[in-house]
Amino acid sequence: MLTFNIAQAEDKTDCAINYARTACKGQETTSYKKCNGQASCTHFAPAASPEACQAEALKACANDRLDVTKSKIITASFKGNALTSKSGQSDFCIDYANKGAEFNQCPEDKKK
């Protein structure tokens, strides 16, 4: 028998993380695959507090497909209330520590 409490179930939808990707040239299909072929979408992350949701949003900025995804804009809300990064930005990726190394690394960006 599968059991869980209501608080656990609510956690899965309290933290909404909005992804907006910019693909490298010619990589739109692969880059947008995580959003069912769209450039932007919302995924839900388990988080018990606004701070935990902020941490999940910052983690969502990670980009390990450097030749596929040029950049991301990540925004988040907790229980319907918009969140900002620690520096007050709506785009959590502005504060992302690895932004310089992981964004704008497409083959066409390296030719400049």
N, C-alpha and C. Protein backbone atom coordinates (compact mmCIF):
# COMPACT_ATOMS: atom_id res chain seq x y z
N MET A 1 0.83 -1.18 0.00
CA MET A 1 0.00 0.00 0.00
C MET A 1 0.89 1.25 0.00
N LEU A 2 0.60 2.18 -0.86
CA LEU A 2 1.36 3.42 -0.99
C LEU A 2 0.73 4.50 -0.12
N THR A 3 1.53 5.07 0.78
CA THR A 3 1.01 6.14 1.63
C THR A 3 1.96 7.32 1.60
N PHE A 4 1.41 8.51 1.75
CA PHE A 4 2.20 9.72 1.87
C PHE A 4 1.34 10.77 2.53
N ASN A 5 1.99 11.76 3.09
CA ASN A 5 1.18 12.78 3.74
C ASN A 5 0.93 13.94 2.79
N ILE A 6 -0.06 14.74 3.07
CA ILE A 6 -0.47 15.83 2.19
C ILE A 6 0.66 16.85 2.02
N ALA A 7 1.41 17.13 3.07
CA ALA A 7 2.49 18.11 2.98
C ALA A 7 3.51 17.68 1.93
N GLN A 8 3.84 16.40 1.88
CA GLN A 8 4.78 15.92 0.87
C GLN A 8 4.21 16.13 -0.54
N ALA A 9 2.96 15.86 -0.73
CA ALA A 9 2.35 16.01 -2.05
C ALA A 9 2.34 17.48 -2.46
N GLU A 10 2.05 18.38 -1.54
CA GLU A 10 2.01 19.80 -1.87
C GLU A 10 3.39 20.34 -2.24
N ASP A 11 4.44 19.83 -1.59
CA ASP A 11 5.79 20.29 -1.87
C ASP A 11 6.15 20.17 -3.34
N LYS A 12 5.62 19.19 -4.02
CA LYS A 12 5.98 18.95 -5.41
C LYS A 12 5.41 20.01 -6.35
N THR A 13 4.46 20.80 -5.91
CA THR A 13 3.90 21.84 -6.77
C THR A 13 4.05 23.24 -6.22
N ASP A 14 4.56 23.37 -5.01
CA ASP A 14 4.73 24.70 -4.41
C ASP A 14 5.81 25.51 -5.10
N CYS A 15 6.84 24.86 -5.58
CA CYS A 15 7.99 25.54 -6.17
C CYS A 15 7.94 25.38 -7.70
N ALA A 16 7.56 26.45 -8.37
CA ALA A 16 7.49 26.44 -9.84
C ALA A 16 8.74 27.10 -10.40
N ILE A 17 9.46 26.37 -11.22
CA ILE A 17 10.68 26.90 -11.84
C ILE A 17 10.41 27.04 -13.34
N ASN A 18 10.55 28.26 -13.82
CA ASN A 18 10.30 28.58 -15.22
C ASN A 18 11.63 28.63 -15.98
N TYR A 19 11.71 27.83 -17.01
CA TYR A 19 12.91 27.75 -17.84
C TYR A 19 12.64 28.45 -19.17
N ALA A 20 13.56 29.29 -19.60
CA ALA A 20 13.52 29.86 -20.95
C ALA A 20 14.92 29.68 -21.52
N ARG A 21 15.02 28.86 -22.55
CA ARG A 21 16.32 28.54 -23.14
C ARG A 21 16.54 29.28 -24.45
N THR A 22 17.79 29.63 -24.69
CA THR A 22 18.22 30.10 -26.00
C THR A 22 19.15 29.02 -26.53
N ALA A 23 18.84 28.47 -27.68
CA ALA A 23 19.61 27.38 -28.25
C ALA A 23 20.79 27.90 -29.06
N CYS A 24 21.81 27.07 -29.15
CA CYS A 24 22.89 27.35 -30.09
C CYS A 24 22.31 27.21 -31.50
N LYS A 25 22.92 27.87 -32.45
CA LYS A 25 22.44 27.85 -33.84
C LYS A 25 22.30 26.41 -34.34
N GLY A 26 21.09 26.08 -34.81
CA GLY A 26 20.81 24.76 -35.36
C GLY A 26 20.54 23.68 -34.31
N GLN A 27 20.55 24.02 -33.03
CA GLN A 27 20.36 23.04 -31.96
C GLN A 27 19.03 23.18 -31.24
N GLU A 28 18.09 23.87 -31.84
CA GLU A 28 16.80 24.13 -31.19
C GLU A 28 16.09 22.85 -30.76
N THR A 29 16.04 21.86 -31.62
CA THR A 29 15.32 20.63 -31.30
C THR A 29 15.90 19.96 -30.06
N THR A 30 17.21 19.86 -30.00
CA THR A 30 17.86 19.22 -28.86
C THR A 30 17.76 20.08 -27.61
N SER A 31 18.01 21.37 -27.73
CA SER A 31 17.99 22.27 -26.59
C SER A 31 16.61 22.34 -25.95
N TYR A 32 15.58 22.36 -26.77
CA TYR A 32 14.21 22.52 -26.27
C TYR A 32 13.55 21.21 -25.88
N LYS A 33 14.25 20.09 -26.04
CA LYS A 33 13.68 18.78 -25.76
C LYS A 33 13.18 18.68 -24.32
N LYS A 34 13.90 19.29 -23.37
CA LYS A 34 13.50 19.19 -21.96
C LYS A 34 12.21 19.96 -21.68
N CYS A 35 11.77 20.78 -22.64
CA CYS A 35 10.50 21.51 -22.53
C CYS A 35 9.53 21.05 -23.61
N ASN A 36 9.60 19.79 -23.96
CA ASN A 36 8.70 19.21 -24.97
C ASN A 36 8.71 19.99 -26.27
N GLY A 37 9.90 20.41 -26.69
CA GLY A 37 10.04 21.09 -27.97
C GLY A 37 9.81 22.59 -27.93
N GLN A 38 9.51 23.13 -26.77
CA GLN A 38 9.28 24.57 -26.65
C GLN A 38 10.51 25.24 -26.05
N ALA A 39 10.68 26.52 -26.34
CA ALA A 39 11.81 27.27 -25.80
C ALA A 39 11.67 27.51 -24.30
N SER A 40 10.43 27.50 -23.81
CA SER A 40 10.23 27.75 -22.38
C SER A 40 9.15 26.83 -21.82
N CYS A 41 9.26 26.58 -20.52
CA CYS A 41 8.29 25.74 -19.83
C CYS A 41 8.47 25.90 -18.33
N THR A 42 7.58 25.29 -17.57
CA THR A 42 7.64 25.31 -16.12
C THR A 42 7.73 23.87 -15.61
N HIS A 43 8.67 23.67 -14.69
CA HIS A 43 8.79 22.39 -13.99
C HIS A 43 8.62 22.67 -12.50
N PHE A 44 8.16 21.69 -11.78
CA PHE A 44 7.96 21.84 -10.35
C PHE A 44 9.02 21.06 -9.59
N ALA A 45 9.53 21.67 -8.53
CA ALA A 45 10.56 21.05 -7.71
C ALA A 45 10.07 20.94 -6.27
N PRO A 46 10.40 19.85 -5.60
CA PRO A 46 10.02 19.76 -4.20
C PRO A 46 10.82 20.78 -3.38
N ALA A 47 10.14 21.59 -2.61
CA ALA A 47 10.79 22.59 -1.76
C ALA A 47 9.84 22.92 -0.61
N ALA A 48 10.36 22.91 0.59
CA ALA A 48 9.53 23.15 1.76
C ALA A 48 9.44 24.62 2.14
N SER A 49 10.24 25.47 1.48
CA SER A 49 10.26 26.89 1.84
C SER A 49 10.65 27.72 0.63
N PRO A 50 10.42 29.01 0.68
CA PRO A 50 10.86 29.88 -0.41
C PRO A 50 12.38 29.81 -0.62
N GLU A 51 13.13 29.70 0.48
CA GLU A 51 14.59 29.62 0.38
C GLU A 51 15.03 28.34 -0.34
N ALA A 52 14.36 27.24 -0.05
CA ALA A 52 14.67 25.98 -0.72
C ALA A 52 14.33 26.08 -2.21
N CYS A 53 13.25 26.76 -2.52
CA CYS A 53 12.86 26.96 -3.92
C CYS A 53 13.89 27.84 -4.64
N GLN A 54 14.38 28.87 -3.97
CA GLN A 54 15.42 29.73 -4.55
C GLN A 54 16.66 28.90 -4.86
N ALA A 55 17.03 28.01 -3.97
CA ALA A 55 18.20 27.16 -4.19
C ALA A 55 17.99 26.25 -5.40
N GLU A 56 16.77 25.70 -5.54
CA GLU A 56 16.46 24.85 -6.69
C GLU A 56 16.52 25.65 -7.99
N ALA A 57 16.03 26.88 -7.95
CA ALA A 57 16.06 27.73 -9.14
C ALA A 57 17.50 28.03 -9.56
N LEU A 58 18.35 28.33 -8.61
CA LEU A 58 19.75 28.60 -8.93
C LEU A 58 20.42 27.37 -9.52
N LYS A 59 20.12 26.19 -8.97
CA LYS A 59 20.68 24.94 -9.52
C LYS A 59 20.21 24.71 -10.95
N ALA A 60 19.00 25.16 -11.27
CA ALA A 60 18.45 24.96 -12.62
C ALA A 60 19.22 25.73 -13.69
N CYS A 61 20.03 26.69 -13.28
CA CYS A 61 20.83 27.46 -14.24
C CYS A 61 21.97 26.64 -14.84
N ALA A 62 22.37 25.56 -14.19
CA ALA A 62 23.49 24.76 -14.68
C ALA A 62 23.26 24.35 -16.13
N ASN A 63 24.32 24.45 -16.93
CA ASN A 63 24.26 24.10 -18.34
C ASN A 63 25.45 23.21 -18.67
N ASP A 64 25.18 21.92 -18.87
CA ASP A 64 26.27 21.01 -19.24
C ASP A 64 26.24 20.67 -20.72
N ARG A 65 25.35 21.30 -21.46
CA ARG A 65 25.27 21.08 -22.91
C ARG A 65 25.73 22.37 -23.61
N LEU A 66 27.02 22.66 -23.47
CA LEU A 66 27.58 23.93 -23.91
C LEU A 66 27.43 24.18 -25.41
N ASP A 67 27.43 23.12 -26.20
CA ASP A 67 27.31 23.29 -27.65
C ASP A 67 25.86 23.13 -28.13
N VAL A 68 24.92 23.04 -27.18
CA VAL A 68 23.50 22.88 -27.50
C VAL A 68 22.67 24.07 -27.00
N THR A 69 22.88 24.44 -25.74
CA THR A 69 22.11 25.52 -25.12
C THR A 69 23.03 26.71 -24.86
N LYS A 70 22.71 27.83 -25.49
CA LYS A 70 23.52 29.06 -25.37
C LYS A 70 23.36 29.69 -23.99
N SER A 71 22.11 29.79 -23.52
CA SER A 71 21.86 30.41 -22.22
C SER A 71 20.48 30.04 -21.73
N LYS A 72 20.22 30.37 -20.47
CA LYS A 72 18.92 30.14 -19.85
C LYS A 72 18.53 31.36 -19.05
N ILE A 73 17.25 31.56 -18.94
CA ILE A 73 16.68 32.50 -17.98
C ILE A 73 15.80 31.65 -17.08
N ILE A 74 16.09 31.70 -15.79
CA ILE A 74 15.34 30.90 -14.83
C ILE A 74 14.65 31.85 -13.84
N THR A 75 13.33 31.73 -13.77
CA THR A 75 12.56 32.46 -12.77
C THR A 75 11.82 31.43 -11.92
N ALA A 76 11.36 31.86 -10.76
CA ALA A 76 10.70 30.90 -9.88
C ALA A 76 9.63 31.58 -9.04
N SER A 77 8.70 30.74 -8.58
CA SER A 77 7.69 31.20 -7.63
C SER A 77 7.45 30.10 -6.61
N PHE A 78 7.05 30.52 -5.42
CA PHE A 78 6.74 29.58 -4.35
C PHE A 78 5.33 29.88 -3.88
N LYS A 79 4.48 28.89 -4.00
CA LYS A 79 3.06 29.02 -3.65
C LYS A 79 2.44 30.22 -4.36
N GLY A 80 2.83 30.42 -5.61
CA GLY A 80 2.26 31.48 -6.43
C GLY A 80 2.91 32.84 -6.28
N ASN A 81 3.85 32.99 -5.35
CA ASN A 81 4.52 34.28 -5.14
C ASN A 81 5.88 34.28 -5.82
N ALA A 82 6.11 35.27 -6.67
CA ALA A 82 7.37 35.36 -7.39
C ALA A 82 8.54 35.49 -6.43
N LEU A 83 9.62 34.80 -6.75
CA LEU A 83 10.84 34.86 -5.96
C LEU A 83 11.91 35.61 -6.72
N THR A 84 12.87 36.14 -5.98
CA THR A 84 14.04 36.77 -6.61
C THR A 84 15.29 36.10 -6.05
N SER A 85 16.39 36.30 -6.77
CA SER A 85 17.67 35.76 -6.32
C SER A 85 18.15 36.53 -5.10
N LYS A 86 19.26 36.10 -4.54
CA LYS A 86 19.79 36.78 -3.35
C LYS A 86 20.13 38.24 -3.63
N SER A 87 20.44 38.55 -4.90
CA SER A 87 20.76 39.95 -5.24
C SER A 87 19.52 40.72 -5.70
N GLY A 88 18.34 40.08 -5.64
CA GLY A 88 17.10 40.74 -5.99
C GLY A 88 16.70 40.65 -7.45
N GLN A 89 17.36 39.79 -8.21
CA GLN A 89 17.06 39.62 -9.64
C GLN A 89 15.94 38.60 -9.86
N SER A 90 15.09 38.84 -10.84
CA SER A 90 14.06 37.85 -11.16
C SER A 90 14.67 36.66 -11.90
N ASP A 91 15.74 36.89 -12.68
CA ASP A 91 16.46 35.82 -13.38
C ASP A 91 17.56 35.30 -12.47
N PHE A 92 17.39 34.09 -11.96
CA PHE A 92 18.37 33.51 -11.05
C PHE A 92 19.73 33.29 -11.71
N CYS A 93 19.76 33.16 -13.02
CA CYS A 93 21.03 32.89 -13.70
C CYS A 93 21.96 34.10 -13.70
N ILE A 94 21.44 35.28 -13.44
CA ILE A 94 22.31 36.45 -13.33
C ILE A 94 23.30 36.25 -12.19
N ASP A 95 22.87 35.58 -11.13
CA ASP A 95 23.73 35.33 -9.97
C ASP A 95 24.47 33.99 -10.04
N TYR A 96 24.25 33.22 -11.08
CA TYR A 96 24.84 31.88 -11.18
C TYR A 96 26.36 31.97 -11.31
N ALA A 97 27.07 31.33 -10.41
CA ALA A 97 28.53 31.44 -10.33
C ALA A 97 29.25 30.97 -11.60
N ASN A 98 28.71 29.98 -12.29
CA ASN A 98 29.38 29.43 -13.47
C ASN A 98 28.84 29.99 -14.78
N LYS A 99 28.12 31.08 -14.71
CA LYS A 99 27.50 31.67 -15.90
C LYS A 99 28.54 31.93 -17.00
N GLY A 100 29.66 32.51 -16.66
CA GLY A 100 30.69 32.82 -17.65
C GLY A 100 31.26 31.60 -18.34
N ALA A 101 31.37 30.51 -17.63
CA ALA A 101 31.94 29.28 -18.19
C ALA A 101 30.91 28.43 -18.93
N GLU A 102 29.63 28.57 -18.58
CA GLU A 102 28.60 27.67 -19.12
C GLU A 102 27.64 28.32 -20.11
N PHE A 103 27.62 29.64 -20.19
CA PHE A 103 26.73 30.32 -21.11
C PHE A 103 27.55 30.94 -22.25
N ASN A 104 26.92 31.08 -23.40
CA ASN A 104 27.56 31.68 -24.57
C ASN A 104 28.83 30.94 -24.98
N GLN A 105 28.74 29.60 -24.96
CA GLN A 105 29.87 28.75 -25.33
C GLN A 105 29.60 27.97 -26.62
N CYS A 106 28.61 28.40 -27.38
CA CYS A 106 28.28 27.74 -28.64
C CYS A 106 29.45 27.88 -29.61
N PRO A 107 29.55 26.98 -30.58
CA PRO A 107 30.62 27.09 -31.58
C PRO A 107 30.66 28.48 -32.23
N GLU A 108 29.49 29.05 -32.53
CA GLU A 108 29.47 30.37 -33.18
C GLU A 108 29.96 31.48 -32.24
N ASP A 109 29.83 31.29 -30.93
CA ASP A 109 30.32 32.28 -29.97
C ASP A 109 31.84 32.25 -29.87
N LYS A 110 32.42 31.10 -30.08
CA LYS A 110 33.88 30.95 -29.95
C LYS A 110 34.62 31.54 -31.15
N LYS A 111 33.91 31.77 -32.26
CA LYS A 111 34.54 32.33 -33.46
C LYS A 111 34.76 33.82 -33.35
N LYS A 112 34.09 34.46 -32.39
CA LYS A 112 34.16 35.93 -32.27
C LYS A 112 35.46 36.37 -31.66
